């Protein structure tokens, strides 16, 4: 285990399953079922879920156990706004103080990302987990030159939360995804290499907003589709 506790391993595994949708938003997390799924004991599972409550992935329901946190337009907008504020500040600091070694890491992380397809072959709506890992590393490296450990730490939490929404962005029909993510990444890297902090921060903020806009449209469409069903259900309960 390399010094990691079983609860820590479970925390990471459950978080990944929440991010990729294996554990759907809003679903109940029954300890007995999870114990069988992960071949784990109830005690480390409960500890892992409690930790995930602290980072917003899981909700603790009084006397009713745990539930995966819902996805919502309001939360998406909030996460995006805070991420724009924190990560652009971190990026600015990294550009102003980062050395050549950091710049080389940015270029290397970007190169690796460009060599991996974003979606699985023949499955347009399925995000490639290898790309997702490389993408997370790329954004982590962008601000690795920042001198503030807290900025980097908060950025990681926000990045993980954003990943939940980015995964569902692929549910948007390809024809409606009118953006070039690879070009956005390249433009950010070029601005960093040029040490143009203002341009790099603007491009990074726009990059986050583009993802948010795409997912927001999808969430609003889903809410609109489910509204008639909720109305019929409420009418049935009232005997209307």
Foldseek 3Di string as FASTA:
>chain_A
DVPDDPLRVLLVVVLVCDLLCVQPAFAADDQVVVCVVVVHDSVSPLVSLVVVVVLQQWDQDVVRGITGHHDDLVVLVVLLVVLLVLLLVLLLQLLVQPDPVLLVQLVVLLVVLVVDDQADPPCQLHGDVVSVVSVLSNSLSSRVSGPDPVSSVVNNSSSSVVSSLLSCLSVPPPVPLPDDLSVLSVQLSVCSVVSPSVSNSVSVSVSSVSSSVSSSVVNVVVCVVCVVVVVVVVCVVVVD
